Amino acid sequence: MTQLPRHLFAGLRVLDLTRVMSGPFCTAMLADLGAEIIKVEMPGFGEEGRFFAPHVNGESTYFALLNRGKRSITVNMKSPEGIALIRDLAKRADVLVENFRPGVMERLGLDYATLQADNPRLIYASISGFGQQGPFADWPAFDLVIQAMSGLMSVTGERDGRATAVGESIADIATGMFAAWGIAAALYDRERTGFGRRLEVAMLDSIFSMLLTNLSRRLFTDRPVGRVGNRHPETYPVDSFATRDGEIVLVGFSEAIVKRIYEAMGKPELAADPRFKTNHDRNVHESELRQVIGDWAASLTQQEALAKLQACDVPAAPIWSLDDLLASGHVEARQLLQPGVNGKLGDIQVVPQPVRFSDAALVAPMRAPTLGEDTDDVLRDELGLDDAAIAKLRAAKAI
């Protein structure tokens, strides 16, 4: 019998107490697979991500992309009534995700021990900058702070230039992905044990764990690590080069491919040149080889250089702008943009997680909620409150 397409996380209830990027990215990944995400925001202002530009029709497009597929409710977590609502919602949730500073949830009476006693199946995910314990646990963390402290910036940029941040909030994104992975693992474990558990992930830990090329040198050799521009720290030629009308990258990661690079350049004799025979030789004589390849690339257009390299089966590509990629046909073919809707923005495009599962349906269109637009419906549907009870909470400024 043919299996009908379905949503992998259909029926999964997630209580989302996260803000800005790392936490919202995590819960958005769960929403992409059909989980029901109840996003809790403060009344009046919402979470901080709503203030991030650009804004269109008064709505943050940054927020809309990160909070696709969620329901927004406003709850005053500084009021006893608001805390009671969160506890009641957590009793019915499968997963709770929070990214407050360590200690905040305990002070609110919403710590794991308290909520787990109410709901033993609850999976409780905590995201922070530096972890729940450690010398920097109380420090405020933003993506640039983590890039700076992790060592990532120290190895990014031109050799003699300033340490440079990666051109996206990679620490937030990576941590959100690790958190989503941890939640999926905890859900699998719950299927076997019947019990939830707490998991925590730190932004600094996440980026540190990804620096494998540099750690392989730092932990196992006495050679220093540092900025090397676009070239690979260990292997040459893996680098970028300017053509007459644009830049290209090429990847000579093996002796066989390096020989094919020489053939593409019309210089097969370089394979016998003692300066360029082995990876060690090429690293010692990097500047000379870079000059040879650079002169060759500069004599051609980008398209001509790529055609010669690809004809010799050399991994190579143009350096594109985001506009170039959007116009390339790849985004459309791979369905990387999906339809969405927002009460202020109207019909929009959103960017769901990119993994494709067989016999799984895409969640579309995905709604990016305006502030608090689902408060009444969630309180009715999830907690069974009537209009009088909801009005009383609103009068108490709990919602």
Protein backbone atom coordinates (compact mmCIF):
# COMPACT_ATOMS: atom_id res chain seq x y z
CA MET A 1 0.00 0.00 0.00
CA THR A 2 1.35 3.44 -0.93
CA GLN A 3 2.18 5.57 2.09
CA LEU A 4 0.57 8.99 2.01
CA PRO A 5 2.88 11.98 2.53
CA ARG A 6 2.81 13.14 6.14
CA HIS A 7 4.48 15.57 8.50
CA LEU A 8 7.18 13.83 10.56
CA PHE A 9 6.51 15.84 13.74
CA ALA A 10 2.72 16.05 13.38
CA GLY A 11 1.12 16.11 16.82
CA LEU A 12 4.30 17.24 18.60
CA ARG A 13 3.58 20.14 20.98
CA VAL A 14 6.44 22.58 21.55
CA LEU A 15 6.35 25.44 24.04
CA ASP A 16 8.74 28.06 22.68
CA LEU A 17 10.12 30.54 25.21
CA THR A 18 13.01 31.62 22.98
CA ARG A 19 14.10 34.97 21.58
CA VAL A 20 16.25 36.52 18.86
CA MET A 21 17.86 33.75 16.76
CA SER A 22 19.39 30.56 18.18
CA GLY A 23 16.22 29.40 19.93
CA PRO A 24 13.78 30.56 17.25
CA PHE A 25 15.93 28.85 14.59
CA CYS A 26 15.70 25.60 16.57
CA THR A 27 11.93 25.72 16.94
CA ALA A 28 11.46 26.80 13.32
CA MET A 29 13.21 23.59 12.26
CA LEU A 30 10.68 21.63 14.30
CA ALA A 31 7.82 23.62 12.78
CA ASP A 32 9.14 22.77 9.32
CA LEU A 33 8.37 19.11 10.06
CA GLY A 34 4.86 19.81 11.31
CA ALA A 35 5.32 20.36 15.05
CA GLU A 36 2.85 22.70 16.71
CA ILE A 37 4.89 25.58 18.11
CA ILE A 38 3.36 27.88 20.71
CA LYS A 39 5.64 30.90 20.85
CA VAL A 40 5.38 32.91 24.06
CA GLU A 41 6.10 36.65 23.87
CA MET A 42 5.76 39.55 26.27
CA PRO A 43 2.59 41.63 25.85
CA GLY A 44 3.00 44.96 24.09
CA PHE A 45 6.50 44.56 22.73
CA GLY A 46 6.99 40.93 21.82
CA GLU A 47 10.40 39.30 21.78
CA GLU A 48 13.52 41.22 20.82
CA GLY A 49 13.66 39.75 17.32
CA ARG A 50 10.65 41.85 16.32
CA PHE A 51 12.86 44.95 16.63
CA PHE A 52 15.47 43.66 14.15
CA ALA A 53 15.52 45.34 10.72
CA PRO A 54 14.50 45.29 7.97
CA HIS A 55 10.90 46.25 8.66
CA VAL A 56 8.15 46.26 6.04
CA ASN A 57 4.69 47.57 6.97
CA GLY A 58 5.93 47.75 10.55
CA GLU A 59 6.77 44.04 10.65
CA SER A 60 10.30 42.61 10.99
CA THR A 61 11.06 40.41 7.99
CA TYR A 62 13.93 38.90 9.98
CA PHE A 63 11.41 37.82 12.63
CA ALA A 64 9.02 36.48 9.99
CA LEU A 65 11.66 34.20 8.46
CA LEU A 66 12.69 32.84 11.87
CA ASN A 67 9.20 32.28 13.25
CA ARG A 68 7.47 30.63 10.33
CA GLY A 69 4.88 28.03 11.18
CA LYS A 70 4.37 29.14 14.80
CA ARG A 71 1.47 30.47 16.88
CA SER A 72 2.19 33.61 18.91
CA ILE A 73 0.70 34.18 22.33
CA THR A 74 1.48 37.03 24.70
CA VAL A 75 1.99 36.10 28.34
CA ASN A 76 3.40 38.34 31.06
CA MET A 77 5.95 36.06 32.69
CA LYS A 78 6.51 38.66 35.42
CA SER A 79 3.05 38.03 36.82
CA PRO A 80 1.92 35.05 38.94
CA GLU A 81 -0.99 34.46 36.58
CA GLY A 82 1.37 34.42 33.60
CA ILE A 83 3.70 31.92 35.25
CA ALA A 84 0.72 29.72 36.06
CA LEU A 85 -0.29 29.77 32.37
CA ILE A 86 3.19 28.69 31.32
CA ARG A 87 3.12 25.82 33.82
CA ASP A 88 -0.28 24.73 32.56
CA LEU A 89 0.90 24.82 28.94
CA ALA A 90 4.07 22.90 29.87
CA LYS A 91 1.93 20.12 31.35
CA ARG A 92 0.54 19.47 27.87
CA ALA A 93 3.77 20.02 25.94
CA ASP A 94 6.18 17.43 24.57
CA VAL A 95 9.06 19.89 24.37
CA LEU A 96 9.95 23.19 26.01
CA VAL A 97 12.74 25.32 24.55
CA GLU A 98 14.21 28.36 26.32
CA ASN A 99 17.26 30.55 25.82
CA PHE A 100 17.22 32.83 28.83
CA ARG A 101 20.43 33.42 30.76
CA PRO A 102 21.24 30.62 33.20
CA GLY A 103 19.26 30.98 36.42
CA VAL A 104 16.32 32.94 34.98
CA MET A 105 13.99 29.95 34.60
CA GLU A 106 14.79 28.85 38.16
CA ARG A 107 13.92 32.31 39.48
CA LEU A 108 10.62 32.20 37.61
CA GLY A 109 9.76 28.81 39.08
CA LEU A 110 9.88 27.26 35.60
CA ASP A 111 13.02 25.15 36.05
CA TYR A 112 13.30 21.61 34.72
CA ALA A 113 12.77 19.90 38.08
CA THR A 114 9.50 21.77 38.66
CA LEU A 115 8.08 21.24 35.18
CA GLN A 116 9.31 17.64 34.95
CA ALA A 117 7.45 16.86 38.17
CA ASP A 118 4.28 18.16 36.47
CA ASN A 119 5.01 16.34 33.21
CA PRO A 120 7.55 13.47 33.35
CA ARG A 121 7.52 13.13 29.54
CA LEU A 122 8.62 16.73 28.99
CA ILE A 123 11.83 17.33 27.04
CA TYR A 124 13.36 20.57 28.30
CA ALA A 125 15.95 22.22 26.04
CA SER A 126 18.10 25.09 27.32
CA ILE A 127 20.16 27.20 24.92
CA SER A 128 22.70 29.69 26.25
CA GLY A 129 25.82 31.53 25.23
CA PHE A 130 28.31 29.78 27.48
CA GLY A 131 26.44 26.92 29.16
CA GLN A 132 24.59 26.51 32.41
CA GLN A 133 27.91 26.23 34.26
CA GLY A 134 31.36 27.58 33.55
CA PRO A 135 33.46 30.70 34.03
CA PHE A 136 31.40 32.77 31.57
CA ALA A 137 27.93 31.40 32.34
CA ASP A 138 26.62 34.81 33.42
CA TRP A 139 27.98 36.73 30.43
CA PRO A 140 25.51 38.05 27.85
CA ALA A 141 26.03 36.38 24.51
CA PHE A 142 25.37 37.50 20.95
CA ASP A 143 26.60 35.94 17.75
CA LEU A 144 29.52 38.35 17.31
CA VAL A 145 30.62 37.76 20.91
CA ILE A 146 30.72 34.02 20.30
CA GLN A 147 32.50 34.32 16.96
CA ALA A 148 35.10 36.48 18.69
CA MET A 149 35.67 34.22 21.72
CA SER A 150 35.47 30.84 19.94
CA GLY A 151 38.55 31.37 17.80
CA LEU A 152 36.47 31.49 14.62
CA MET A 153 37.21 35.16 13.94
CA SER A 154 40.92 34.62 14.61
CA VAL A 155 41.12 32.21 11.67
CA THR A 156 38.81 34.15 9.33
CA GLY A 157 40.10 36.88 7.04
CA GLU A 158 43.19 37.70 5.03
CA ARG A 159 46.54 36.61 6.43
CA ASP A 160 47.72 40.13 7.27
CA GLY A 161 44.26 41.61 7.83
CA ARG A 162 41.93 42.02 10.77
CA ALA A 163 40.09 39.12 12.34
CA THR A 164 36.78 38.95 10.47
CA ALA A 165 33.32 37.71 11.35
CA VAL A 166 31.57 35.24 9.08
CA GLY A 167 28.94 37.03 7.00
CA GLU A 168 25.96 35.47 8.79
CA SER A 169 25.02 34.74 12.41
CA ILE A 170 26.65 31.32 12.21
CA ALA A 171 26.91 30.83 15.99
CA ASP A 172 23.18 31.33 16.45
CA ILE A 173 22.30 29.11 13.50
CA ALA A 174 24.67 26.27 14.43
CA THR A 175 23.47 26.27 18.04
CA GLY A 176 19.85 26.18 16.92
CA MET A 177 20.60 23.19 14.70
CA PHE A 178 22.44 21.36 17.48
CA ALA A 179 19.49 22.01 19.80
CA ALA A 180 17.03 20.64 17.25
CA TRP A 181 19.23 17.56 16.81
CA GLY A 182 19.34 17.10 20.59
CA ILE A 183 15.56 17.38 20.83
CA ALA A 184 15.12 14.75 18.11
CA ALA A 185 17.53 12.43 19.98
CA ALA A 186 15.66 12.98 23.25
CA LEU A 187 12.33 12.24 21.55
CA TYR A 188 13.74 8.96 20.24
CA ASP A 189 14.95 8.07 23.75
CA ARG A 190 11.54 8.93 25.19
CA GLU A 191 9.94 6.40 22.86
CA ARG A 192 12.00 3.69 24.59
CA THR A 193 11.89 4.93 28.19
CA GLY A 194 8.65 6.89 28.44
CA PHE A 195 10.48 9.78 30.11
CA GLY A 196 11.74 13.12 28.92
CA ARG A 197 15.03 14.69 29.89
CA ARG A 198 16.81 18.00 29.97
CA LEU A 199 19.36 18.92 27.35
CA GLU A 200 21.47 22.04 27.12
CA VAL A 201 23.68 23.48 24.43
CA ALA A 202 25.96 26.51 24.48
CA MET A 203 26.79 28.75 21.55
CA LEU A 204 30.50 28.79 22.37
CA ASP A 205 30.58 24.99 22.61
CA SER A 206 28.80 24.70 19.27
CA ILE A 207 31.28 26.81 17.33
CA PHE A 208 34.29 25.27 19.10
CA SER A 209 33.10 21.79 18.08
CA MET A 210 32.97 22.88 14.43
CA LEU A 211 36.57 24.16 14.16
CA LEU A 212 37.89 20.75 13.14
CA THR A 213 40.48 21.79 10.57
CA ASN A 214 42.17 24.20 12.95
CA LEU A 215 41.79 21.93 15.97
CA SER A 216 43.44 19.09 14.06
CA ARG A 217 46.51 21.30 13.79
CA ARG A 218 46.33 22.85 17.26
CA LEU A 219 45.77 19.59 19.17
CA PHE A 220 48.16 17.35 17.27
CA THR A 221 51.02 19.54 16.01
CA ASP A 222 53.15 22.41 17.27
CA ARG A 223 52.28 24.56 14.25
CA PRO A 224 50.29 27.74 14.91
CA VAL A 225 46.83 28.41 13.54
CA GLY A 226 45.82 31.73 12.06
CA ARG A 227 44.19 33.56 9.18
CA VAL A 228 45.07 32.36 5.69
CA GLY A 229 42.45 34.10 3.53
CA ASN A 230 40.49 31.88 1.16
CA ARG A 231 43.10 29.16 0.91
CA HIS A 232 42.86 25.95 2.91
CA PRO A 233 45.14 25.99 5.97
CA GLU A 234 46.76 22.64 5.07
CA THR A 235 46.19 21.88 1.39
CA TYR A 236 47.28 23.83 -1.67
CA PRO A 237 46.02 24.84 -4.18
CA VAL A 238 42.61 25.25 -2.54
CA ASP A 239 42.03 28.96 -3.04
CA SER A 240 40.26 31.75 -4.91
CA PHE A 241 41.57 33.57 -7.97
CA ALA A 242 40.49 36.62 -9.97
CA THR A 243 39.56 36.29 -13.64
CA ARG A 244 38.96 39.17 -16.04
CA ASP A 245 35.34 39.57 -14.94
CA GLY A 246 34.88 37.79 -11.64
CA GLU A 247 36.43 35.45 -9.13
CA ILE A 248 36.57 31.66 -9.05
CA VAL A 249 37.55 29.02 -6.54
CA LEU A 250 39.28 25.74 -7.27
CA VAL A 251 39.97 22.77 -5.02
CA GLY A 252 43.16 20.76 -5.56
CA PHE A 253 42.74 18.35 -2.66
CA SER A 254 44.67 15.38 -4.11
CA GLU A 255 47.71 14.84 -6.28
CA ALA A 256 45.55 13.56 -9.13
CA ILE A 257 43.39 16.68 -9.13
CA VAL A 258 46.41 18.99 -8.89
CA LYS A 259 47.76 17.37 -12.05
CA ARG A 260 44.42 18.01 -13.72
CA ILE A 261 44.64 21.68 -12.69
CA TYR A 262 48.01 21.89 -14.43
CA GLU A 263 46.49 20.23 -17.52
CA ALA A 264 43.56 22.66 -17.55
CA MET A 265 46.05 25.51 -17.47
CA GLY A 266 47.95 24.02 -20.39
CA LYS A 267 51.00 23.50 -18.15
CA PRO A 268 51.23 19.74 -17.48
CA GLU A 269 54.97 20.11 -16.95
CA LEU A 270 54.31 21.72 -13.58
CA ALA A 271 53.62 18.23 -12.19
CA ALA A 272 57.34 17.50 -12.49
CA ASP A 273 58.47 20.87 -11.09
CA PRO A 274 60.12 20.14 -7.71
CA ARG A 275 58.46 23.24 -6.26
CA PHE A 276 54.96 21.96 -7.01
CA LYS A 277 55.12 18.13 -6.89
CA THR A 278 53.77 17.39 -3.40
CA ASN A 279 51.44 19.20 -1.04
CA HIS A 280 54.42 19.98 1.20
CA ASP A 281 56.30 21.46 -1.77
CA ARG A 282 53.28 23.51 -2.83
CA ASN A 283 52.82 24.94 0.66
CA VAL A 284 56.50 25.91 0.85
CA HIS A 285 56.24 27.60 -2.55
CA GLU A 286 52.66 28.84 -2.18
CA SER A 287 53.35 32.37 -3.39
CA GLU A 288 54.98 31.12 -6.57
CA LEU A 289 52.21 28.67 -7.41
CA ARG A 290 49.59 31.26 -6.58
CA GLN A 291 51.24 33.63 -9.04
CA VAL A 292 51.23 30.99 -11.80
CA ILE A 293 47.56 30.12 -11.31
CA GLY A 294 46.64 33.77 -10.77
CA ASP A 295 48.28 34.85 -14.05
CA TRP A 296 46.46 32.09 -15.91
CA ALA A 297 43.07 32.97 -14.39
CA ALA A 298 43.56 36.70 -15.01
CA SER A 299 43.97 36.04 -18.74
CA LEU A 300 40.51 34.48 -19.03
CA THR A 301 36.92 35.34 -18.30
CA GLN A 302 35.25 33.59 -15.40
CA GLN A 303 33.27 31.40 -17.78
CA GLU A 304 36.37 30.48 -19.81
CA ALA A 305 38.40 29.53 -16.75
CA LEU A 306 35.60 27.43 -15.30
CA ALA A 307 35.04 25.67 -18.62
CA LYS A 308 38.70 24.63 -18.80
CA LEU A 309 38.77 23.45 -15.18
CA GLN A 310 35.50 21.56 -15.39
CA ALA A 311 36.55 19.92 -18.68
CA CYS A 312 39.42 18.40 -16.70
CA ASP A 313 37.11 17.38 -13.82
CA VAL A 314 38.54 19.90 -11.38
CA PRO A 315 36.20 21.01 -8.55
CA ALA A 316 35.73 24.71 -9.33
CA ALA A 317 33.02 27.32 -9.09
CA PRO A 318 32.29 31.02 -9.53
CA ILE A 319 32.09 33.25 -6.47
CA TRP A 320 28.47 34.30 -6.59
CA SER A 321 26.40 36.93 -4.88
CA LEU A 322 23.13 35.94 -3.25
CA ASP A 323 21.37 37.44 -6.28
CA ASP A 324 23.40 35.16 -8.55
CA LEU A 325 22.29 32.08 -6.64
CA LEU A 326 18.65 33.19 -6.60
CA ALA A 327 18.77 33.63 -10.38
CA SER A 328 20.62 30.36 -11.05
CA GLY A 329 17.64 27.99 -11.10
CA HIS A 330 18.97 25.95 -8.16
CA VAL A 331 16.77 27.58 -5.53
CA GLU A 332 13.67 26.91 -7.60
CA ALA A 333 14.66 23.34 -8.51
CA ARG A 334 15.39 22.45 -4.90
CA GLN A 335 12.30 24.26 -3.56
CA LEU A 336 14.41 26.24 -1.10
CA LEU A 337 11.80 29.00 -0.94
CA GLN A 338 8.30 28.07 0.17
CA PRO A 339 5.08 30.09 0.35
CA GLY A 340 4.21 31.83 3.59
CA VAL A 341 1.80 34.43 4.87
CA ASN A 342 1.84 37.18 7.48
CA GLY A 343 -0.98 39.41 8.68
CA LYS A 344 0.97 42.60 7.89
CA LEU A 345 3.27 41.47 5.09
CA GLY A 346 0.70 39.48 3.14
CA ASP A 347 1.99 36.64 0.96
CA ILE A 348 5.69 36.08 1.61
CA GLN A 349 8.43 33.54 0.96
CA VAL A 350 10.05 31.58 3.79
CA VAL A 351 13.15 29.39 3.92
CA PRO A 352 12.48 26.05 5.65
CA GLN A 353 15.16 23.58 6.70
CA PRO A 354 16.69 21.88 3.65
CA VAL A 355 16.55 18.14 4.47
CA ARG A 356 14.19 16.24 2.19
CA PHE A 357 12.46 13.11 3.52
CA SER A 358 10.76 10.49 1.38
CA ASP A 359 6.99 10.30 1.77
CA ALA A 360 6.95 13.49 3.85
CA ALA A 361 4.86 16.51 3.03
CA LEU A 362 6.11 20.08 3.13
CA VAL A 363 4.28 22.37 5.54
CA ALA A 364 2.94 25.10 3.26
CA PRO A 365 1.95 27.79 3.33
CA MET A 366 3.65 28.62 6.63
CA ARG A 367 2.26 31.48 8.64
CA ALA A 368 4.58 33.93 10.39
CA PRO A 369 2.49 35.25 13.28
CA THR A 370 1.91 38.86 14.19
CA LEU A 371 2.33 39.62 17.88
CA GLY A 372 -0.11 37.69 20.04
CA GLU A 373 -2.55 36.89 17.26
CA ASP A 374 -3.11 33.35 18.59
CA THR A 375 -3.40 34.12 22.32
CA ASP A 376 -7.14 33.60 22.70
CA ASP A 377 -7.30 30.56 20.42
CA VAL A 378 -4.43 28.80 22.20
CA LEU A 379 -5.88 29.43 25.65
CA ARG A 380 -9.23 28.05 24.49
CA ASP A 381 -7.83 25.08 22.55
CA GLU A 382 -5.03 24.04 24.88
CA LEU A 383 -6.32 24.99 28.33
CA GLY A 384 -10.07 25.06 27.79
CA LEU A 385 -10.48 28.65 29.04
CA ASP A 386 -13.69 30.47 28.22
CA ASP A 387 -14.16 34.10 27.24
CA ALA A 388 -14.69 35.21 30.85
CA ALA A 389 -11.47 33.57 32.04
CA ILE A 390 -9.51 35.06 29.15
CA ALA A 391 -10.98 38.52 29.84
CA LYS A 392 -9.99 38.22 33.49
CA LEU A 393 -6.39 37.37 32.54
CA ARG A 394 -6.30 40.31 30.15
CA ALA A 395 -7.64 42.66 32.82
CA ALA A 396 -4.89 41.43 35.17
CA LYS A 397 -2.34 42.18 32.40
CA ALA A 398 -1.25 38.54 32.46
CA ILE A 399 -1.84 38.34 28.69
